[in-house]
N, C-alpha and C. Protein backbone atom coordinates (compact mmCIF):
# COMPACT_ATOMS: atom_id res chain seq x y z
N MET A 1 20.06 -113.51 -61.62
CA MET A 1 21.18 -112.68 -61.98
C MET A 1 20.77 -111.20 -61.95
N GLU A 2 19.55 -110.93 -62.34
CA GLU A 2 19.08 -109.55 -62.31
C GLU A 2 19.08 -109.01 -60.88
N THR A 3 18.71 -109.86 -59.92
CA THR A 3 18.70 -109.47 -58.51
C THR A 3 20.10 -109.07 -58.06
N LEU A 4 21.09 -109.85 -58.47
CA LEU A 4 22.48 -109.58 -58.11
C LEU A 4 22.93 -108.23 -58.67
N LEU A 5 22.65 -107.99 -59.94
CA LEU A 5 23.07 -106.73 -60.57
C LEU A 5 22.37 -105.52 -59.96
N GLU A 6 21.09 -105.69 -59.63
CA GLU A 6 20.36 -104.59 -58.98
C GLU A 6 20.93 -104.30 -57.60
N ALA A 7 21.25 -105.35 -56.84
CA ALA A 7 21.83 -105.18 -55.50
C ALA A 7 23.19 -104.48 -55.60
N ALA A 8 23.98 -104.84 -56.58
CA ALA A 8 25.28 -104.19 -56.78
C ALA A 8 25.10 -102.72 -57.11
N LYS A 9 24.16 -102.44 -57.98
CA LYS A 9 23.90 -101.05 -58.39
C LYS A 9 23.48 -100.21 -57.18
N LYS A 10 22.62 -100.76 -56.32
CA LYS A 10 22.17 -100.04 -55.13
C LYS A 10 23.33 -99.73 -54.18
N ARG A 11 24.34 -100.61 -54.17
CA ARG A 11 25.51 -100.41 -53.32
C ARG A 11 26.56 -99.52 -53.97
N GLY A 12 26.33 -99.15 -55.22
CA GLY A 12 27.30 -98.33 -55.94
C GLY A 12 28.52 -99.13 -56.39
N VAL A 13 28.31 -100.43 -56.61
CA VAL A 13 29.40 -101.33 -57.01
C VAL A 13 29.21 -101.70 -58.47
N GLU A 14 30.27 -101.57 -59.26
CA GLU A 14 30.22 -102.05 -60.63
C GLU A 14 30.25 -103.57 -60.60
N ALA A 15 29.41 -104.21 -61.42
CA ALA A 15 29.39 -105.67 -61.41
C ALA A 15 29.03 -106.21 -62.78
N GLU A 16 29.53 -107.41 -63.04
CA GLU A 16 29.09 -108.19 -64.18
C GLU A 16 28.89 -109.61 -63.68
N ALA A 17 27.89 -110.29 -64.23
CA ALA A 17 27.59 -111.64 -63.79
C ALA A 17 27.28 -112.49 -65.00
N PHE A 18 27.57 -113.78 -64.87
CA PHE A 18 27.21 -114.69 -65.94
C PHE A 18 26.95 -116.07 -65.39
N THR A 19 26.19 -116.82 -66.15
CA THR A 19 25.94 -118.22 -65.84
C THR A 19 26.39 -119.05 -67.03
N ALA A 20 26.72 -120.27 -66.76
CA ALA A 20 27.11 -121.20 -67.82
C ALA A 20 26.56 -122.58 -67.50
N ALA A 21 26.14 -123.27 -68.52
CA ALA A 21 25.66 -124.64 -68.37
C ALA A 21 26.31 -125.49 -69.45
N THR A 22 26.82 -126.63 -69.05
CA THR A 22 27.47 -127.54 -69.98
C THR A 22 26.94 -128.95 -69.77
N ARG A 23 26.50 -129.55 -70.85
CA ARG A 23 26.11 -130.96 -70.81
C ARG A 23 27.12 -131.71 -71.67
N GLN A 24 27.69 -132.75 -71.11
CA GLN A 24 28.71 -133.52 -71.82
C GLN A 24 28.34 -134.99 -71.80
N THR A 25 28.36 -135.59 -72.97
CA THR A 25 28.13 -137.03 -73.08
C THR A 25 29.39 -137.65 -73.67
N SER A 26 29.93 -138.63 -72.97
CA SER A 26 31.13 -139.31 -73.47
C SER A 26 30.82 -140.78 -73.67
N VAL A 27 31.41 -141.32 -74.72
CA VAL A 27 31.28 -142.73 -75.04
C VAL A 27 32.69 -143.30 -75.06
N GLN A 28 32.91 -144.34 -74.27
CA GLN A 28 34.25 -144.91 -74.15
C GLN A 28 34.25 -146.35 -74.66
N PHE A 29 35.24 -146.62 -75.52
CA PHE A 29 35.43 -147.97 -76.04
C PHE A 29 36.75 -148.51 -75.51
N GLU A 30 36.80 -149.82 -75.31
CA GLU A 30 38.04 -150.46 -74.91
C GLU A 30 38.14 -151.77 -75.70
N ASN A 31 39.28 -151.97 -76.37
CA ASN A 31 39.48 -153.16 -77.20
C ASN A 31 38.37 -153.32 -78.23
N GLY A 32 37.93 -152.20 -78.80
CA GLY A 32 36.92 -152.25 -79.84
C GLY A 32 35.51 -152.51 -79.35
N ARG A 33 35.30 -152.52 -78.05
CA ARG A 33 33.97 -152.78 -77.50
C ARG A 33 33.52 -151.61 -76.63
N LEU A 34 32.23 -151.37 -76.66
CA LEU A 34 31.66 -150.30 -75.85
C LEU A 34 31.89 -150.60 -74.37
N LYS A 35 32.50 -149.66 -73.67
CA LYS A 35 32.76 -149.84 -72.24
C LYS A 35 31.81 -149.01 -71.38
N LYS A 36 31.60 -147.74 -71.80
CA LYS A 36 30.83 -146.85 -70.92
C LYS A 36 30.23 -145.69 -71.71
N VAL A 37 29.02 -145.32 -71.35
CA VAL A 37 28.36 -144.11 -71.84
C VAL A 37 28.01 -143.29 -70.61
N GLU A 38 28.45 -142.04 -70.61
CA GLU A 38 28.27 -141.21 -69.41
C GLU A 38 27.85 -139.80 -69.82
N THR A 39 26.87 -139.26 -69.12
CA THR A 39 26.43 -137.89 -69.35
C THR A 39 26.54 -137.11 -68.05
N SER A 40 27.09 -135.90 -68.15
CA SER A 40 27.18 -135.05 -66.97
C SER A 40 26.68 -133.65 -67.31
N LEU A 41 26.17 -132.98 -66.31
CA LEU A 41 25.67 -131.62 -66.46
C LEU A 41 26.35 -130.75 -65.41
N ARG A 42 26.92 -129.65 -65.86
CA ARG A 42 27.55 -128.70 -64.94
C ARG A 42 26.93 -127.33 -65.18
N GLU A 43 26.56 -126.68 -64.09
CA GLU A 43 26.01 -125.33 -64.16
C GLU A 43 26.70 -124.47 -63.13
N GLY A 44 26.95 -123.24 -63.47
CA GLY A 44 27.61 -122.35 -62.54
C GLY A 44 27.25 -120.90 -62.76
N MET A 45 27.61 -120.09 -61.79
CA MET A 45 27.38 -118.66 -61.84
C MET A 45 28.63 -117.97 -61.32
N ALA A 46 28.95 -116.82 -61.89
CA ALA A 46 30.12 -116.07 -61.44
C ALA A 46 29.79 -114.58 -61.46
N VAL A 47 30.50 -113.84 -60.61
CA VAL A 47 30.34 -112.39 -60.57
C VAL A 47 31.71 -111.75 -60.39
N ARG A 48 31.93 -110.68 -61.14
CA ARG A 48 33.12 -109.85 -60.95
C ARG A 48 32.63 -108.47 -60.55
N VAL A 49 33.35 -107.85 -59.64
CA VAL A 49 32.99 -106.51 -59.18
C VAL A 49 34.22 -105.62 -59.20
N ILE A 50 33.96 -104.34 -59.25
CA ILE A 50 35.01 -103.34 -59.06
C ILE A 50 34.58 -102.49 -57.88
N VAL A 51 35.39 -102.54 -56.82
CA VAL A 51 35.11 -101.79 -55.60
C VAL A 51 36.35 -100.96 -55.31
N ALA A 52 36.18 -99.64 -55.23
CA ALA A 52 37.29 -98.73 -54.96
C ALA A 52 38.47 -99.00 -55.92
N GLY A 53 38.13 -99.30 -57.19
CA GLY A 53 39.15 -99.50 -58.21
C GLY A 53 39.81 -100.87 -58.21
N ARG A 54 39.33 -101.79 -57.36
CA ARG A 54 39.94 -103.12 -57.29
C ARG A 54 38.93 -104.20 -57.69
N LEU A 55 39.47 -105.27 -58.32
CA LEU A 55 38.64 -106.37 -58.79
C LEU A 55 38.36 -107.39 -57.70
N GLY A 56 37.13 -107.87 -57.68
CA GLY A 56 36.76 -108.98 -56.83
C GLY A 56 36.02 -109.99 -57.68
N PHE A 57 36.14 -111.27 -57.33
CA PHE A 57 35.52 -112.33 -58.13
C PHE A 57 35.03 -113.44 -57.20
N ALA A 58 33.86 -113.99 -57.53
CA ALA A 58 33.34 -115.15 -56.80
C ALA A 58 32.55 -116.01 -57.79
N ALA A 59 32.60 -117.32 -57.59
CA ALA A 59 31.89 -118.24 -58.46
C ALA A 59 31.36 -119.41 -57.64
N ALA A 60 30.31 -120.04 -58.15
CA ALA A 60 29.72 -121.19 -57.47
C ALA A 60 28.98 -122.04 -58.49
N THR A 61 28.77 -123.30 -58.13
CA THR A 61 27.93 -124.15 -58.94
C THR A 61 26.48 -123.82 -58.63
N LEU A 62 25.60 -124.11 -59.56
CA LEU A 62 24.18 -123.85 -59.34
C LEU A 62 23.54 -125.04 -58.65
N PRO A 63 22.55 -124.85 -57.82
CA PRO A 63 21.97 -123.55 -57.49
C PRO A 63 22.88 -122.76 -56.56
N ALA A 64 22.92 -121.47 -56.78
CA ALA A 64 23.77 -120.59 -55.98
C ALA A 64 22.92 -119.43 -55.46
N ASP A 65 23.37 -118.83 -54.38
CA ASP A 65 22.71 -117.65 -53.82
C ASP A 65 23.40 -116.43 -54.43
N PRO A 66 22.76 -115.76 -55.39
CA PRO A 66 23.41 -114.64 -56.08
C PRO A 66 23.86 -113.52 -55.13
N LEU A 67 23.08 -113.23 -54.11
CA LEU A 67 23.45 -112.15 -53.21
C LEU A 67 24.67 -112.53 -52.36
N ARG A 68 24.78 -113.79 -52.02
CA ARG A 68 25.97 -114.24 -51.28
C ARG A 68 27.21 -114.15 -52.18
N LEU A 69 27.06 -114.51 -53.44
CA LEU A 69 28.17 -114.38 -54.38
C LEU A 69 28.63 -112.93 -54.48
N LEU A 70 27.67 -112.03 -54.54
CA LEU A 70 28.01 -110.61 -54.60
C LEU A 70 28.79 -110.20 -53.36
N GLU A 71 28.32 -110.61 -52.19
CA GLU A 71 29.01 -110.27 -50.94
C GLU A 71 30.44 -110.81 -50.93
N GLU A 72 30.62 -112.05 -51.41
CA GLU A 72 31.95 -112.64 -51.44
C GLU A 72 32.87 -111.88 -52.40
N ALA A 73 32.36 -111.53 -53.57
CA ALA A 73 33.17 -110.80 -54.54
C ALA A 73 33.56 -109.43 -54.00
N VAL A 74 32.61 -108.76 -53.34
CA VAL A 74 32.90 -107.43 -52.76
C VAL A 74 33.96 -107.57 -51.68
N ALA A 75 33.84 -108.57 -50.82
CA ALA A 75 34.82 -108.77 -49.75
C ALA A 75 36.21 -109.07 -50.33
N LEU A 76 36.28 -109.84 -51.40
CA LEU A 76 37.56 -110.21 -51.99
C LEU A 76 38.19 -109.07 -52.79
N ALA A 77 37.38 -108.09 -53.18
CA ALA A 77 37.92 -106.96 -53.94
C ALA A 77 38.98 -106.19 -53.15
N GLU A 78 38.87 -106.22 -51.84
CA GLU A 78 39.86 -105.55 -50.99
C GLU A 78 41.28 -106.06 -51.29
N PHE A 79 41.37 -107.32 -51.69
CA PHE A 79 42.66 -107.94 -51.96
C PHE A 79 42.96 -108.07 -53.45
N GLY A 80 42.03 -107.60 -54.29
CA GLY A 80 42.17 -107.77 -55.74
C GLY A 80 43.13 -106.79 -56.37
N LYS A 81 43.44 -107.08 -57.63
CA LYS A 81 44.31 -106.21 -58.41
C LYS A 81 43.55 -104.95 -58.80
N GLU A 82 44.30 -103.90 -59.10
CA GLU A 82 43.67 -102.68 -59.59
C GLU A 82 43.04 -102.95 -60.93
N ALA A 83 41.81 -102.48 -61.10
CA ALA A 83 41.07 -102.78 -62.32
C ALA A 83 41.60 -102.00 -63.51
N GLY A 84 41.68 -100.70 -63.43
CA GLY A 84 42.14 -99.90 -64.56
C GLY A 84 41.14 -99.85 -65.70
N PHE A 85 39.91 -100.30 -65.48
CA PHE A 85 38.87 -100.28 -66.51
C PHE A 85 37.52 -100.29 -65.82
N SER A 86 36.47 -100.10 -66.60
CA SER A 86 35.09 -100.20 -66.10
C SER A 86 34.37 -101.25 -66.93
N PHE A 87 33.34 -101.84 -66.37
CA PHE A 87 32.54 -102.79 -67.12
C PHE A 87 31.66 -102.03 -68.11
N PRO A 88 31.38 -102.62 -69.26
CA PRO A 88 30.52 -101.94 -70.24
C PRO A 88 29.08 -101.84 -69.74
N ALA A 89 28.36 -100.87 -70.27
CA ALA A 89 26.95 -100.70 -69.91
C ALA A 89 26.15 -101.90 -70.41
N ALA A 90 25.07 -102.19 -69.74
CA ALA A 90 24.26 -103.36 -70.07
C ALA A 90 23.38 -103.16 -71.29
N THR A 91 23.22 -101.96 -71.78
CA THR A 91 22.32 -101.72 -72.90
C THR A 91 22.80 -102.43 -74.16
N GLY A 92 21.87 -103.09 -74.82
CA GLY A 92 22.18 -103.76 -76.06
C GLY A 92 22.89 -105.09 -75.93
N VAL A 93 23.10 -105.55 -74.71
CA VAL A 93 23.78 -106.83 -74.51
C VAL A 93 22.72 -107.93 -74.49
N PRO A 94 22.88 -108.97 -75.33
CA PRO A 94 21.87 -110.04 -75.34
C PRO A 94 21.88 -110.81 -74.02
N LYS A 95 20.71 -111.26 -73.60
CA LYS A 95 20.61 -112.02 -72.35
C LYS A 95 21.20 -113.41 -72.51
N GLU A 96 21.08 -113.98 -73.70
CA GLU A 96 21.63 -115.31 -73.94
C GLU A 96 22.45 -115.28 -75.22
N ILE A 97 23.58 -115.93 -75.18
CA ILE A 97 24.44 -116.02 -76.35
C ILE A 97 24.62 -117.49 -76.68
N PRO A 98 24.08 -117.94 -77.82
CA PRO A 98 24.22 -119.35 -78.17
C PRO A 98 25.67 -119.65 -78.57
N VAL A 99 26.27 -120.59 -77.88
CA VAL A 99 27.67 -120.92 -78.14
C VAL A 99 27.85 -122.41 -78.41
N PHE A 100 26.85 -123.00 -79.05
CA PHE A 100 26.96 -124.41 -79.37
C PHE A 100 26.38 -124.68 -80.74
N ASP A 101 26.76 -125.79 -81.31
CA ASP A 101 26.26 -126.23 -82.60
C ASP A 101 25.01 -127.06 -82.36
N GLU A 102 23.88 -126.64 -82.92
CA GLU A 102 22.62 -127.35 -82.68
C GLU A 102 22.67 -128.78 -83.19
N THR A 103 23.46 -129.05 -84.22
CA THR A 103 23.59 -130.41 -84.73
C THR A 103 24.19 -131.31 -83.66
N VAL A 104 25.22 -130.82 -83.00
CA VAL A 104 25.85 -131.59 -81.92
C VAL A 104 24.89 -131.73 -80.75
N ASP A 105 24.15 -130.68 -80.45
CA ASP A 105 23.22 -130.70 -79.32
C ASP A 105 22.13 -131.76 -79.51
N ARG A 106 21.76 -132.04 -80.76
CA ARG A 106 20.71 -133.02 -81.04
C ARG A 106 21.22 -134.46 -81.04
N MET A 107 22.53 -134.65 -80.98
CA MET A 107 23.08 -136.01 -81.02
C MET A 107 22.71 -136.77 -79.75
N ARG A 108 22.33 -138.03 -79.93
CA ARG A 108 21.98 -138.89 -78.81
C ARG A 108 23.17 -139.80 -78.51
N PRO A 109 23.21 -140.35 -77.31
CA PRO A 109 24.29 -141.30 -77.00
C PRO A 109 24.36 -142.45 -78.02
N GLU A 110 23.20 -142.89 -78.54
CA GLU A 110 23.18 -143.95 -79.54
C GLU A 110 23.94 -143.54 -80.80
N ASP A 111 23.83 -142.25 -81.18
CA ASP A 111 24.57 -141.75 -82.34
C ASP A 111 26.07 -141.82 -82.11
N LEU A 112 26.49 -141.48 -80.90
CA LEU A 112 27.92 -141.50 -80.57
C LEU A 112 28.45 -142.93 -80.58
N VAL A 113 27.65 -143.86 -80.07
CA VAL A 113 28.07 -145.27 -80.07
C VAL A 113 28.22 -145.76 -81.51
N ALA A 114 27.25 -145.41 -82.36
CA ALA A 114 27.31 -145.82 -83.77
C ALA A 114 28.56 -145.25 -84.44
N MET A 115 28.90 -144.01 -84.13
CA MET A 115 30.12 -143.40 -84.69
C MET A 115 31.37 -144.14 -84.22
N GLY A 116 31.39 -144.54 -82.96
CA GLY A 116 32.54 -145.22 -82.39
C GLY A 116 32.71 -146.63 -82.95
N GLU A 117 31.58 -147.27 -83.28
CA GLU A 117 31.66 -148.62 -83.82
C GLU A 117 32.11 -148.59 -85.25
């Protein structure tokens, strides 16, 4: 992500980028019996840019090529809405923001099955 932001800065393009990762475990019961336990992981990256006052956006699942995402967002900015704002400066912004409950994160599929039973 740092590479993407540096490349945008060198081009004189305002940019913001973020990544997200989600792990989801689902337990399904049917007629009171365990039917299925499934875990999925989704990871993605997105970038928004402001070019000549217009917004551009591109996103992809990981692994992604950050520089290609930047190029796509810049190209799409030509067709984007007028921004009317600037992105905030990066100073003081945390690199990671925890947005989950650690208690839930520690739950195992066995715990979910026990809850369902």
